[in-house]
Structure formats: structure tokens, C-alpha cells
Amino acid sequence: MADNAKEFLDYVRRLDIDQPALCILLGLPRSTLNKWINGTVTQIPQVAVTAVRMLWFIRNSDEALFEKWAMVQDFGVTADYAVNDKAQEFLHTIKREPSAPIKKLLTR
């Protein structure tokens, strides 16, 4: 197994996030993530390793920021929109609910 694959899988295990939610957070098709996790594809791009490492760092450093990132990815809004408090209030006003995988992740 390539070093990138080992590191990627290590951070995926540390995150302990269900695959549907992890796909949303990383912006990956589920089939791609499955191939990386199952070892079908061992050449994992360095950018994917960096992304999962950064996701782990954010989750362990700032839970509020992690939740905002989850909303950015889940709703498909820009990061500028997600850090705007008025935009966050608007999402709550219209009662926009996150997808089931993200909602499950954030309510653990």
C-alpha cells in the first residue's frame, strides 16, 4: 500500500465518520471513497490526503468551524456565505435542514 493510502486511511479511521457524510465533507463521489477505503485504488492523490488531514484538524480544533464546513459542503454554498452570520440566520429562518448524513454527524 502506498504511503498516501496509509495516511489517508489512518485519518479516515481517526475521523470515524460514516461514509455518506465523509463523501459530502470531502466533496467526493461515494464510489471513489469506497475504492480508496477498500484498497481497490491505492494511488490516492496527495490533495485528498491533505483534505482529510485538514478535516481532522478542524474537527479537533474548532467544532463550530467544523459544523460550518459541513453546512458549506452539504448545502453547496460558498465559504463566504457560510461564515456570514446573517446567511446562517437565513438558513435557520427558512428551516433548511442538513442532509440525513450530515445531520446524523452533527447530532452525535
C-alpha atoms as a PDB file:
ATOM      1  CA  MET A   1       0.000   0.000   0.000  1.00  0.00           C
ATOM      2  CA  ALA A   2       1.321   3.417  -0.937  1.00  0.00           C
ATOM      3  CA  ASP A   3       2.215   5.883   1.807  1.00  0.00           C
ATOM      4  CA  ASN A   4      -0.588   8.208   0.702  1.00  0.00           C
ATOM      5  CA  ALA A   5      -3.106   5.396   1.065  1.00  0.00           C
ATOM      6  CA  LYS A   6      -1.857   4.517   4.560  1.00  0.00           C
ATOM      7  CA  GLU A   7      -2.030   8.105   5.740  1.00  0.00           C
ATOM      8  CA  PHE A   8      -5.439   8.659   4.142  1.00  0.00           C
ATOM      9  CA  LEU A   9      -6.881   5.545   5.792  1.00  0.00           C
ATOM     10  CA  ASP A  10      -5.333   6.496   9.125  1.00  0.00           C
ATOM     11  CA  TYR A  11      -7.113   9.862   9.124  1.00  0.00           C
ATOM     12  CA  VAL A  12     -10.370   8.325   7.889  1.00  0.00           C
ATOM     13  CA  ARG A  13     -10.249   5.928  10.856  1.00  0.00           C
ATOM     14  CA  ARG A  14      -9.455   8.775  13.261  1.00  0.00           C
ATOM     15  CA  LEU A  15     -12.364  10.837  11.957  1.00  0.00           C
ATOM     16  CA  ASP A  16     -14.794   7.933  12.461  1.00  0.00           C
ATOM     17  CA  ILE A  17     -17.386   9.483  10.156  1.00  0.00           C
ATOM     18  CA  ASP A  18     -19.935   7.461   8.189  1.00  0.00           C
ATOM     19  CA  GLN A  19     -19.053   7.227   4.510  1.00  0.00           C
ATOM     20  CA  PRO A  20     -22.088   9.199   3.213  1.00  0.00           C
ATOM     21  CA  ALA A  21     -21.190  12.160   5.444  1.00  0.00           C
ATOM     22  CA  LEU A  22     -17.474  11.866   4.674  1.00  0.00           C
ATOM     23  CA  CYS A  23     -18.256  11.970   0.941  1.00  0.00           C
ATOM     24  CA  ILE A  24     -20.188  15.204   1.460  1.00  0.00           C
ATOM     25  CA  LEU A  25     -17.455  16.741   3.617  1.00  0.00           C
ATOM     26  CA  LEU A  26     -14.701  15.892   1.122  1.00  0.00           C
ATOM     27  CA  GLY A  27     -16.797  16.559  -1.992  1.00  0.00           C
ATOM     28  CA  LEU A  28     -16.164  13.048  -3.340  1.00  0.00           C
ATOM     29  CA  PRO A  29     -18.351  10.560  -5.162  1.00  0.00           C
ATOM     30  CA  ARG A  30     -19.114   7.618  -2.884  1.00  0.00           C
ATOM     31  CA  SER A  31     -17.671   5.156  -5.401  1.00  0.00           C
ATOM     32  CA  THR A  32     -14.294   6.936  -5.277  1.00  0.00           C
ATOM     33  CA  LEU A  33     -14.186   6.934  -1.491  1.00  0.00           C
ATOM     34  CA  ASN A  34     -15.176   3.248  -1.409  1.00  0.00           C
ATOM     35  CA  LYS A  35     -12.346   2.351  -3.796  1.00  0.00           C
ATOM     36  CA  TRP A  36      -9.816   4.220  -1.655  1.00  0.00           C
ATOM     37  CA  ILE A  37     -11.057   2.690   1.601  1.00  0.00           C
ATOM     38  CA  ASN A  38     -11.374  -0.854   0.227  1.00  0.00           C
ATOM     39  CA  GLY A  39      -7.927  -0.694  -1.373  1.00  0.00           C
ATOM     40  CA  THR A  40      -9.208  -1.176  -4.933  1.00  0.00           C
ATOM     41  CA  VAL A  41      -7.339   2.013  -5.826  1.00  0.00           C
ATOM     42  CA  THR A  42      -4.125   2.592  -3.904  1.00  0.00           C
ATOM     43  CA  GLN A  43      -2.921   5.729  -5.704  1.00  0.00           C
ATOM     44  CA  ILE A  44      -4.706   8.318  -3.607  1.00  0.00           C
ATOM     45  CA  PRO A  45      -3.956  11.904  -4.662  1.00  0.00           C
ATOM     46  CA  GLN A  46      -1.956  13.959  -2.188  1.00  0.00           C
ATOM     47  CA  VAL A  47      -4.678  16.605  -2.233  1.00  0.00           C
ATOM     48  CA  ALA A  48      -7.134  14.018  -0.826  1.00  0.00           C
ATOM     49  CA  VAL A  49      -4.722  13.148   1.967  1.00  0.00           C
ATOM     50  CA  THR A  50      -4.283  16.832   2.759  1.00  0.00           C
ATOM     51  CA  ALA A  51      -8.056  17.380   2.711  1.00  0.00           C
ATOM     52  CA  VAL A  52      -8.801  14.540   5.129  1.00  0.00           C
ATOM     53  CA  ARG A  53      -5.933  15.641   7.386  1.00  0.00           C
ATOM     54  CA  MET A  54      -7.267  19.217   7.389  1.00  0.00           C
ATOM     55  CA  LEU A  55     -10.776  17.954   8.109  1.00  0.00           C
ATOM     56  CA  TRP A  56      -9.459  16.010  11.099  1.00  0.00           C
ATOM     57  CA  PHE A  57      -7.565  19.082  12.313  1.00  0.00           C
ATOM     58  CA  ILE A  58     -10.617  21.342  12.019  1.00  0.00           C
ATOM     59  CA  ARG A  59     -12.845  18.841  13.792  1.00  0.00           C
ATOM     60  CA  ASN A  60     -10.413  18.508  16.681  1.00  0.00           C
ATOM     61  CA  SER A  61      -9.551  22.205  16.903  1.00  0.00           C
ATOM     62  CA  ASP A  62     -12.825  24.061  16.386  1.00  0.00           C
ATOM     63  CA  GLU A  63     -16.147  22.199  16.467  1.00  0.00           C
ATOM     64  CA  ALA A  64     -18.109  25.292  15.372  1.00  0.00           C
ATOM     65  CA  LEU A  65     -15.902  25.725  12.320  1.00  0.00           C
ATOM     66  CA  PHE A  66     -16.272  22.027  11.526  1.00  0.00           C
ATOM     67  CA  GLU A  67     -20.058  22.396  11.624  1.00  0.00           C
ATOM     68  CA  LYS A  68     -19.891  25.407   9.302  1.00  0.00           C
ATOM     69  CA  TRP A  69     -17.739  23.424   6.868  1.00  0.00           C
ATOM     70  CA  ALA A  70     -20.311  20.632   6.960  1.00  0.00           C
ATOM     71  CA  MET A  71     -23.019  23.140   6.015  1.00  0.00           C
ATOM     72  CA  VAL A  72     -20.884  24.635   3.231  1.00  0.00           C
ATOM     73  CA  GLN A  73     -20.406  21.214   1.690  1.00  0.00           C
ATOM     74  CA  ASP A  74     -23.928  19.959   2.354  1.00  0.00           C
ATOM     75  CA  PHE A  75     -25.789  22.994   1.019  1.00  0.00           C
ATOM     76  CA  GLY A  76     -23.325  23.722  -1.754  1.00  0.00           C
ATOM     77  CA  VAL A  77     -22.880  27.329  -0.669  1.00  0.00           C
ATOM     78  CA  THR A  78     -19.667  29.264  -0.829  1.00  0.00           C
ATOM     79  CA  ALA A  79     -17.443  29.547   2.213  1.00  0.00           C
ATOM     80  CA  ASP A  80     -18.060  33.322   2.206  1.00  0.00           C
ATOM     81  CA  TYR A  81     -21.785  32.659   2.545  1.00  0.00           C
ATOM     82  CA  ALA A  82     -21.283  30.099   5.299  1.00  0.00           C
ATOM     83  CA  VAL A  83     -19.231  32.389   7.563  1.00  0.00           C
ATOM     84  CA  ASN A  84     -21.751  35.198   7.156  1.00  0.00           C
ATOM     85  CA  ASP A  85     -23.877  35.191  10.332  1.00  0.00           C
ATOM     86  CA  LYS A  86     -26.855  36.727   8.538  1.00  0.00           C
ATOM     87  CA  ALA A  87     -26.750  33.943   5.965  1.00  0.00           C
ATOM     88  CA  GLN A  88     -26.673  31.382   8.791  1.00  0.00           C
ATOM     89  CA  GLU A  89     -29.704  33.077  10.358  1.00  0.00           C
ATOM     90  CA  PHE A  90     -31.456  32.936   6.989  1.00  0.00           C
ATOM     91  CA  LEU A  91     -30.875  29.183   6.690  1.00  0.00           C
ATOM     92  CA  HIS A  92     -32.363  28.733  10.159  1.00  0.00           C
ATOM     93  CA  THR A  93     -35.261  31.061   9.332  1.00  0.00           C
ATOM     94  CA  ILE A  94     -36.271  29.049   6.298  1.00  0.00           C
ATOM     95  CA  LYS A  95     -35.668  25.929   8.383  1.00  0.00           C
ATOM     96  CA  ARG A  96     -33.228  24.485   5.915  1.00  0.00           C
ATOM     97  CA  GLU A  97     -32.246  21.133   7.326  1.00  0.00           C
ATOM     98  CA  PRO A  98     -28.956  19.434   6.560  1.00  0.00           C
ATOM     99  CA  SER A  99     -28.990  16.136   4.712  1.00  0.00           C
ATOM    100  CA  ALA A 100     -29.504  12.994   6.771  1.00  0.00           C
ATOM    101  CA  PRO A 101     -25.784  12.025   6.828  1.00  0.00           C
ATOM    102  CA  ILE A 102     -24.667  15.491   7.952  1.00  0.00           C
ATOM    103  CA  LYS A 103     -27.491  15.828  10.461  1.00  0.00           C
ATOM    104  CA  LYS A 104     -26.514  12.446  11.971  1.00  0.00           C
ATOM    105  CA  LEU A 105     -22.867  13.529  12.119  1.00  0.00           C
ATOM    106  CA  LEU A 106     -23.591  16.856  13.810  1.00  0.00           C
ATOM    107  CA  THR A 107     -26.020  15.440  16.364  1.00  0.00           C
ATOM    108  CA  ARG A 108     -23.677  12.720  17.676  1.00  0.00           C
END
